[in-house]
Amino acid sequence: PFVAGVGAMSYAKFIVYNIIGGVAWACVFLLGGYFFGNIPSVKENFTIVIIAIIIISVMPGFIAYFRQKYLDRQKSVKVDR
């Protein structure tokens, strides 16, 4: 929306592109999930796949948290010197 506003895109044009993008996004993820879910090894190990997806999804948050904690600790060490 921000780029559309900066580019002076009309509201009607924005809505059309937004709907097209939303439908395309939904189709890609629905079909991707359907075909990925029909792979025999995924079907046989579905629980492991779900756990892996959850871990991969949560990792960026943990990495950012611990990285910020490390950077804050480094800053406090520099201030103490």
PDB file of N, CA and C in Angstrom:
ATOM      1  N   PRO A   1       0.806  -1.204   0.000  1.00  0.00           N
ATOM      2  CA  PRO A   1       0.000   0.000   0.000  1.00  0.00           C
ATOM      3  C   PRO A   1       0.849   1.267   0.000  1.00  0.00           C
ATOM      4  N   PHE A   2       1.964   1.268   0.723  1.00  0.00           N
ATOM      5  CA  PHE A   2       2.808   2.453   0.809  1.00  0.00           C
ATOM      6  C   PHE A   2       3.377   2.813  -0.558  1.00  0.00           C
ATOM      7  N   VAL A   3       3.900   1.818  -1.266  1.00  0.00           N
ATOM      8  CA  VAL A   3       4.491   2.070  -2.583  1.00  0.00           C
ATOM      9  C   VAL A   3       3.413   2.512  -3.567  1.00  0.00           C
ATOM     10  N   ALA A   4       2.233   1.932  -3.467  1.00  0.00           N
ATOM     11  CA  ALA A   4       1.136   2.341  -4.346  1.00  0.00           C
ATOM     12  C   ALA A   4       0.768   3.797  -4.092  1.00  0.00           C
ATOM     13  N   GLY A   5       0.793   4.214  -2.845  1.00  0.00           N
ATOM     14  CA  GLY A   5       0.489   5.606  -2.517  1.00  0.00           C
ATOM     15  C   GLY A   5       1.563   6.553  -3.007  1.00  0.00           C
ATOM     16  N   VAL A   6       2.814   6.186  -2.823  1.00  0.00           N
ATOM     17  CA  VAL A   6       3.918   7.025  -3.284  1.00  0.00           C
ATOM     18  C   VAL A   6       3.897   7.136  -4.802  1.00  0.00           C
ATOM     19  N   GLY A   7       3.533   6.054  -5.465  1.00  0.00           N
ATOM     20  CA  GLY A   7       3.465   6.053  -6.925  1.00  0.00           C
ATOM     21  C   GLY A   7       2.187   6.655  -7.471  1.00  0.00           C
ATOM     22  N   ALA A   8       1.339   7.183  -6.619  1.00  0.00           N
ATOM     23  CA  ALA A   8       0.075   7.817  -7.000  1.00  0.00           C
ATOM     24  C   ALA A   8      -0.827   6.873  -7.790  1.00  0.00           C
ATOM     25  N   MET A   9      -0.852   5.597  -7.375  1.00  0.00           N
ATOM     26  CA  MET A   9      -1.728   4.626  -8.030  1.00  0.00           C
ATOM     27  C   MET A   9      -3.166   4.894  -7.597  1.00  0.00           C
ATOM     28  N   SER A  10      -4.088   4.809  -8.531  1.00  0.00           N
ATOM     29  CA  SER A  10      -5.498   5.034  -8.191  1.00  0.00           C
ATOM     30  C   SER A  10      -5.998   3.894  -7.300  1.00  0.00           C
ATOM     31  N   TYR A  11      -7.013   4.211  -6.504  1.00  0.00           N
ATOM     32  CA  TYR A  11      -7.555   3.223  -5.578  1.00  0.00           C
ATOM     33  C   TYR A  11      -8.132   2.022  -6.326  1.00  0.00           C
ATOM     34  N   ALA A  12      -8.834   2.278  -7.426  1.00  0.00           N
ATOM     35  CA  ALA A  12      -9.440   1.191  -8.201  1.00  0.00           C
ATOM     36  C   ALA A  12      -8.365   0.254  -8.750  1.00  0.00           C
ATOM     37  N   LYS A  13      -7.292   0.823  -9.258  1.00  0.00           N
ATOM     38  CA  LYS A  13      -6.204   0.011  -9.807  1.00  0.00           C
ATOM     39  C   LYS A  13      -5.544  -0.802  -8.685  1.00  0.00           C
ATOM     40  N   PHE A  14      -5.374  -0.173  -7.525  1.00  0.00           N
ATOM     41  CA  PHE A  14      -4.791  -0.867  -6.378  1.00  0.00           C
ATOM     42  C   PHE A  14      -5.655  -2.059  -5.976  1.00  0.00           C
ATOM     43  N   ILE A  15      -6.957  -1.857  -5.917  1.00  0.00           N
ATOM     44  CA  ILE A  15      -7.872  -2.939  -5.532  1.00  0.00           C
ATOM     45  C   ILE A  15      -7.773  -4.100  -6.515  1.00  0.00           C
ATOM     46  N   VAL A  16      -7.731  -3.795  -7.815  1.00  0.00           N
ATOM     47  CA  VAL A  16      -7.631  -4.854  -8.829  1.00  0.00           C
ATOM     48  C   VAL A  16      -6.346  -5.653  -8.624  1.00  0.00           C
ATOM     49  N   TYR A  17      -5.218  -4.961  -8.495  1.00  0.00           N
ATOM     50  CA  TYR A  17      -3.944  -5.655  -8.298  1.00  0.00           C
ATOM     51  C   TYR A  17      -3.916  -6.404  -6.968  1.00  0.00           C
ATOM     52  N   ASN A  18      -4.524  -5.848  -5.950  1.00  0.00           N
ATOM     53  CA  ASN A  18      -4.573  -6.495  -4.643  1.00  0.00           C
ATOM     54  C   ASN A  18      -5.371  -7.797  -4.707  1.00  0.00           C
ATOM     55  N   ILE A  19      -6.493  -7.773  -5.395  1.00  0.00           N
ATOM     56  CA  ILE A  19      -7.314  -8.984  -5.539  1.00  0.00           C
ATOM     57  C   ILE A  19      -6.573 -10.034  -6.350  1.00  0.00           C
ATOM     58  N   ILE A  20      -5.966  -9.624  -7.458  1.00  0.00           N
ATOM     59  CA  ILE A  20      -5.206 -10.567  -8.291  1.00  0.00           C
ATOM     60  C   ILE A  20      -4.067 -11.185  -7.479  1.00  0.00           C
ATOM     61  N   GLY A  21      -3.346 -10.351  -6.737  1.00  0.00           N
ATOM     62  CA  GLY A  21      -2.246 -10.854  -5.913  1.00  0.00           C
ATOM     63  C   GLY A  21      -2.720 -11.791  -4.823  1.00  0.00           C
ATOM     64  N   GLY A  22      -3.838 -11.467  -4.193  1.00  0.00           N
ATOM     65  CA  GLY A  22      -4.378 -12.318  -3.138  1.00  0.00           C
ATOM     66  C   GLY A  22      -4.820 -13.672  -3.659  1.00  0.00           C
ATOM     67  N   VAL A  23      -5.490 -13.673  -4.800  1.00  0.00           N
ATOM     68  CA  VAL A  23      -5.938 -14.935  -5.398  1.00  0.00           C
ATOM     69  C   VAL A  23      -4.734 -15.768  -5.830  1.00  0.00           C
ATOM     70  N   ALA A  24      -3.739 -15.127  -6.453  1.00  0.00           N
ATOM     71  CA  ALA A  24      -2.536 -15.846  -6.884  1.00  0.00           C
ATOM     72  C   ALA A  24      -1.800 -16.429  -5.678  1.00  0.00           C
ATOM     73  N   TRP A  25      -1.668 -15.643  -4.610  1.00  0.00           N
ATOM     74  CA  TRP A  25      -0.990 -16.107  -3.402  1.00  0.00           C
ATOM     75  C   TRP A  25      -1.711 -17.328  -2.827  1.00  0.00           C
ATOM     76  N   ALA A  26      -3.034 -17.243  -2.736  1.00  0.00           N
ATOM     77  CA  ALA A  26      -3.816 -18.351  -2.184  1.00  0.00           C
ATOM     78  C   ALA A  26      -3.680 -19.603  -3.042  1.00  0.00           C
ATOM     79  N   CYS A  27      -3.743 -19.442  -4.365  1.00  0.00           N
ATOM     80  CA  CYS A  27      -3.620 -20.595  -5.263  1.00  0.00           C
ATOM     81  C   CYS A  27      -2.255 -21.257  -5.144  1.00  0.00           C
ATOM     82  N   VAL A  28      -1.207 -20.453  -5.109  1.00  0.00           N
ATOM     83  CA  VAL A  28       0.150 -21.005  -5.008  1.00  0.00           C
ATOM     84  C   VAL A  28       0.301 -21.812  -3.723  1.00  0.00           C
ATOM     85  N   PHE A  29      -0.152 -21.269  -2.599  1.00  0.00           N
ATOM     86  CA  PHE A  29       0.029 -21.980  -1.340  1.00  0.00           C
ATOM     87  C   PHE A  29      -0.916 -23.169  -1.203  1.00  0.00           C
ATOM     88  N   LEU A  30      -2.124 -23.049  -1.705  1.00  0.00           N
ATOM     89  CA  LEU A  30      -3.037 -24.192  -1.650  1.00  0.00           C
ATOM     90  C   LEU A  30      -2.541 -25.339  -2.523  1.00  0.00           C
ATOM     91  N   LEU A  31      -2.170 -25.032  -3.757  1.00  0.00           N
ATOM     92  CA  LEU A  31      -1.678 -26.084  -4.647  1.00  0.00           C
ATOM     93  C   LEU A  31      -0.343 -26.638  -4.158  1.00  0.00           C
ATOM     94  N   GLY A  32       0.525 -25.748  -3.666  1.00  0.00           N
ATOM     95  CA  GLY A  32       1.801 -26.214  -3.122  1.00  0.00           C
ATOM     96  C   GLY A  32       1.599 -27.156  -1.954  1.00  0.00           C
ATOM     97  N   GLY A  33       0.706 -26.797  -1.050  1.00  0.00           N
ATOM     98  CA  GLY A  33       0.404 -27.662   0.088  1.00  0.00           C
ATOM     99  C   GLY A  33      -0.232 -28.972  -0.336  1.00  0.00           C
ATOM    100  N   TYR A  34      -1.106 -28.902  -1.322  1.00  0.00           N
ATOM    101  CA  TYR A  34      -1.765 -30.117  -1.814  1.00  0.00           C
ATOM    102  C   TYR A  34      -0.745 -31.084  -2.401  1.00  0.00           C
ATOM    103  N   PHE A  35       0.112 -30.578  -3.295  1.00  0.00           N
ATOM    104  CA  PHE A  35       1.090 -31.451  -3.943  1.00  0.00           C
ATOM    105  C   PHE A  35       2.169 -31.908  -2.966  1.00  0.00           C
ATOM    106  N   PHE A  36       2.614 -31.019  -2.079  1.00  0.00           N
ATOM    107  CA  PHE A  36       3.603 -31.400  -1.069  1.00  0.00           C
ATOM    108  C   PHE A  36       3.025 -32.457  -0.134  1.00  0.00           C
ATOM    109  N   GLY A  37       1.761 -32.309   0.223  1.00  0.00           N
ATOM    110  CA  GLY A  37       1.116 -33.265   1.117  1.00  0.00           C
ATOM    111  C   GLY A  37       0.879 -34.621   0.493  1.00  0.00           C
ATOM    112  N   ASN A  38       0.891 -34.702  -0.833  1.00  0.00           N
ATOM    113  CA  ASN A  38       0.682 -35.980  -1.509  1.00  0.00           C
ATOM    114  C   ASN A  38       1.974 -36.727  -1.814  1.00  0.00           C
ATOM    115  N   ILE A  39       3.111 -36.176  -1.426  1.00  0.00           N
ATOM    116  CA  ILE A  39       4.375 -36.893  -1.588  1.00  0.00           C
ATOM    117  C   ILE A  39       4.377 -38.039  -0.574  1.00  0.00           C
ATOM    118  N   PRO A  40       4.631 -39.277  -1.037  1.00  0.00           N
ATOM    119  CA  PRO A  40       4.539 -40.428  -0.126  1.00  0.00           C
ATOM    120  C   PRO A  40       5.392 -40.308   1.141  1.00  0.00           C
ATOM    121  N   SER A  41       6.618 -39.829   1.022  1.00  0.00           N
ATOM    122  CA  SER A  41       7.469 -39.733   2.216  1.00  0.00           C
ATOM    123  C   SER A  41       6.939 -38.693   3.201  1.00  0.00           C
ATOM    124  N   VAL A  42       6.277 -37.664   2.691  1.00  0.00           N
ATOM    125  CA  VAL A  42       5.676 -36.662   3.577  1.00  0.00           C
ATOM    126  C   VAL A  42       4.464 -37.265   4.286  1.00  0.00           C
ATOM    127  N   LYS A  43       3.665 -38.022   3.548  1.00  0.00           N
ATOM    128  CA  LYS A  43       2.493 -38.664   4.158  1.00  0.00           C
ATOM    129  C   LYS A  43       2.903 -39.633   5.267  1.00  0.00           C
ATOM    130  N   GLU A  44       3.984 -40.380   5.019  1.00  0.00           N
ATOM    131  CA  GLU A  44       4.421 -41.381   5.993  1.00  0.00           C
ATOM    132  C   GLU A  44       5.027 -40.742   7.243  1.00  0.00           C
ATOM    133  N   ASN A  45       5.627 -39.570   7.096  1.00  0.00           N
ATOM    134  CA  ASN A  45       6.303 -38.904   8.213  1.00  0.00           C
ATOM    135  C   ASN A  45       5.674 -37.550   8.509  1.00  0.00           C
ATOM    136  N   PHE A  46       4.363 -37.490   8.483  1.00  0.00           N
ATOM    137  CA  PHE A  46       3.658 -36.215   8.597  1.00  0.00           C
ATOM    138  C   PHE A  46       3.967 -35.497   9.911  1.00  0.00           C
ATOM    139  N   THR A  47       4.017 -36.234  11.001  1.00  0.00           N
ATOM    140  CA  THR A  47       4.298 -35.614  12.298  1.00  0.00           C
ATOM    141  C   THR A  47       5.676 -34.967  12.308  1.00  0.00           C
ATOM    142  N   ILE A  48       6.665 -35.654  11.762  1.00  0.00           N
ATOM    143  CA  ILE A  48       8.023 -35.107  11.702  1.00  0.00           C
ATOM    144  C   ILE A  48       8.053 -33.860  10.831  1.00  0.00           C
ATOM    145  N   VAL A  49       7.334 -33.887   9.713  1.00  0.00           N
ATOM    146  CA  VAL A  49       7.288 -32.727   8.816  1.00  0.00           C
ATOM    147  C   VAL A  49       6.670 -31.530   9.534  1.00  0.00           C
ATOM    148  N   ILE A  50       5.583 -31.741  10.259  1.00  0.00           N
ATOM    149  CA  ILE A  50       4.929 -30.647  10.985  1.00  0.00           C
ATOM    150  C   ILE A  50       5.854 -30.079  12.056  1.00  0.00           C
ATOM    151  N   ILE A  51       6.527 -30.951  12.794  1.00  0.00           N
ATOM    152  CA  ILE A  51       7.466 -30.483  13.821  1.00  0.00           C
ATOM    153  C   ILE A  51       8.597 -29.688  13.178  1.00  0.00           C
ATOM    154  N   ALA A  52       9.115 -30.160  12.051  1.00  0.00           N
ATOM    155  CA  ALA A  52      10.185 -29.441  11.346  1.00  0.00           C
ATOM    156  C   ALA A  52       9.707 -28.072  10.875  1.00  0.00           C
ATOM    157  N   ILE A  53       8.494 -27.999  10.355  1.00  0.00           N
ATOM    158  CA  ILE A  53       7.946 -26.714   9.901  1.00  0.00           C
ATOM    159  C   ILE A  53       7.811 -25.748  11.079  1.00  0.00           C
ATOM    160  N   ILE A  54       7.342 -26.245  12.213  1.00  0.00           N
ATOM    161  CA  ILE A  54       7.196 -25.392  13.396  1.00  0.00           C
ATOM    162  C   ILE A  54       8.558 -24.887  13.860  1.00  0.00           C
ATOM    163  N   ILE A  55       9.538 -25.775  13.926  1.00  0.00           N
ATOM    164  CA  ILE A  55      10.881 -25.374  14.370  1.00  0.00           C
ATOM    165  C   ILE A  55      11.478 -24.347  13.418  1.00  0.00           C
ATOM    166  N   ILE A  56      11.361 -24.588  12.125  1.00  0.00           N
ATOM    167  CA  ILE A  56      11.899 -23.648  11.132  1.00  0.00           C
ATOM    168  C   ILE A  56      11.180 -22.305  11.223  1.00  0.00           C
ATOM    169  N   SER A  57       9.890 -22.317  11.499  1.00  0.00           N
ATOM    170  CA  SER A  57       9.119 -21.076  11.595  1.00  0.00           C
ATOM    171  C   SER A  57       9.479 -20.261  12.833  1.00  0.00           C
ATOM    172  N   VAL A  58       9.821 -20.927  13.918  1.00  0.00           N
ATOM    173  CA  VAL A  58      10.109 -20.248  15.176  1.00  0.00           C
ATOM    174  C   VAL A  58      11.571 -19.792  15.262  1.00  0.00           C
ATOM    175  N   MET A  59      12.452 -20.441  14.511  1.00  0.00           N
ATOM    176  CA  MET A  59      13.885 -20.140  14.596  1.00  0.00           C
ATOM    177  C   MET A  59      14.242 -18.671  14.363  1.00  0.00           C
ATOM    178  N   PRO A  60      13.694 -17.976  13.361  1.00  0.00           N
ATOM    179  CA  PRO A  60      14.078 -16.564  13.178  1.00  0.00           C
ATOM    180  C   PRO A  60      13.800 -15.705  14.409  1.00  0.00           C
ATOM    181  N   GLY A  61      12.712 -15.962  15.096  1.00  0.00           N
ATOM    182  CA  GLY A  61      12.410 -15.211  16.312  1.00  0.00           C
ATOM    183  C   GLY A  61      13.427 -15.474  17.407  1.00  0.00           C
ATOM    184  N   PHE A  62      13.787 -16.742  17.605  1.00  0.00           N
ATOM    185  CA  PHE A  62      14.803 -17.079  18.601  1.00  0.00           C
ATOM    186  C   PHE A  62      16.157 -16.485  18.237  1.00  0.00           C
ATOM    187  N   ILE A  63      16.519 -16.577  16.971  1.00  0.00           N
ATOM    188  CA  ILE A  63      17.799 -16.021  16.527  1.00  0.00           C
ATOM    189  C   ILE A  63      17.833 -14.520  16.773  1.00  0.00           C
ATOM    190  N   ALA A  64      16.767 -13.826  16.418  1.00  0.00           N
ATOM    191  CA  ALA A  64      16.717 -12.374  16.623  1.00  0.00           C
ATOM    192  C   ALA A  64      16.789 -12.030  18.108  1.00  0.00           C
ATOM    193  N   TYR A  65      16.088 -12.784  18.939  1.00  0.00           N
ATOM    194  CA  TYR A  65      16.091 -12.530  20.385  1.00  0.00           C
ATOM    195  C   TYR A  65      17.489 -12.701  20.973  1.00  0.00           C
ATOM    196  N   PHE A  66      18.119 -13.843  20.687  1.00  0.00           N
ATOM    197  CA  PHE A  66      19.438 -14.098  21.255  1.00  0.00           C
ATOM    198  C   PHE A  66      20.506 -13.196  20.650  1.00  0.00           C
ATOM    199  N   ARG A  67      20.342 -12.838  19.402  1.00  0.00           N
ATOM    200  CA  ARG A  67      21.288 -11.909  18.777  1.00  0.00           C
ATOM    201  C   ARG A  67      21.198 -10.535  19.448  1.00  0.00           C
ATOM    202  N   GLN A  68      19.977 -10.074  19.692  1.00  0.00           N
ATOM    203  CA  GLN A  68      19.792  -8.782  20.357  1.00  0.00           C
ATOM    204  C   GLN A  68      20.335  -8.825  21.783  1.00  0.00           C
ATOM    205  N   LYS A  69      20.108  -9.937  22.457  1.00  0.00           N
ATOM    206  CA  LYS A  69      20.630 -10.097  23.806  1.00  0.00           C
ATOM    207  C   LYS A  69      22.160 -10.033  23.797  1.00  0.00           C
ATOM    208  N   TYR A  70      22.775 -10.692  22.831  1.00  0.00           N
ATOM    209  CA  TYR A  70      24.235 -10.681  22.697  1.00  0.00           C
ATOM    210  C   TYR A  70      24.737  -9.271  22.405  1.00  0.00           C
ATOM    211  N   LEU A  71      24.063  -8.563  21.493  1.00  0.00           N
ATOM    212  CA  LEU A  71      24.478  -7.203  21.154  1.00  0.00           C
ATOM    213  C   LEU A  71      24.326  -6.263  22.348  1.00  0.00           C
ATOM    214  N   ASP A  72      23.246  -6.423  23.107  1.00  0.00           N
ATOM    215  CA  ASP A  72      23.055  -5.603  24.307  1.00  0.00           C
ATOM    216  C   ASP A  72      24.162  -5.871  25.327  1.00  0.00           C
ATOM    217  N   ARG A  73      24.542  -7.132  25.463  1.00  0.00           N
ATOM    218  CA  ARG A  73      25.613  -7.488  26.394  1.00  0.00           C
ATOM    219  C   ARG A  73      26.939  -6.883  25.931  1.00  0.00           C
ATOM    220  N   GLN A  74      27.190  -6.899  24.621  1.00  0.00           N
ATOM    221  CA  GLN A  74      28.421  -6.313  24.083  1.00  0.00           C
ATOM    222  C   GLN A  74      28.452  -4.808  24.349  1.00  0.00           C
ATOM    223  N   LYS A  75      27.309  -4.140  24.191  1.00  0.00           N
ATOM    224  CA  LYS A  75      27.241  -2.700  24.441  1.00  0.00           C
ATOM    225  C   LYS A  75      27.509  -2.391  25.909  1.00  0.00           C
ATOM    226  N   SER A  76      26.964  -3.208  26.812  1.00  0.00           N
ATOM    227  CA  SER A  76      27.167  -2.955  28.239  1.00  0.00           C
ATOM    228  C   SER A  76      28.620  -3.203  28.634  1.00  0.00           C
ATOM    229  N   VAL A  77      29.286  -4.137  27.986  1.00  0.00           N
ATOM    230  CA  VAL A  77      30.696  -4.392  28.268  1.00  0.00           C
ATOM    231  C   VAL A  77      31.531  -3.202  27.817  1.00  0.00           C
ATOM    232  N   LYS A  78      31.216  -2.616  26.666  1.00  0.00           N
ATOM    233  CA  LYS A  78      31.950  -1.454  26.164  1.00  0.00           C
ATOM    234  C   LYS A  78      31.734  -0.239  27.059  1.00  0.00           C
ATOM    235  N   VAL A  79      30.541  -0.084  27.600  1.00  0.00           N
ATOM    236  CA  VAL A  79      30.234   1.049  28.474  1.00  0.00           C
ATOM    237  C   VAL A  79      30.993   0.913  29.793  1.00  0.00           C
ATOM    238  N   ASP A  80      31.125  -0.309  30.292  1.00  0.00           N
ATOM    239  CA  ASP A  80      31.806  -0.548  31.564  1.00  0.00           C
ATOM    240  C   ASP A  80      33.306  -0.277  31.483  1.00  0.00           C
ATOM    241  N   ARG A  81      33.876  -0.351  30.311  1.00  0.00           N
ATOM    242  CA  ARG A  81      35.329  -0.168  30.176  1.00  0.00           C
ATOM    243  C   ARG A  81      35.713   1.227  30.360  1.00  0.00           C
TER     244      ARG A  81
END
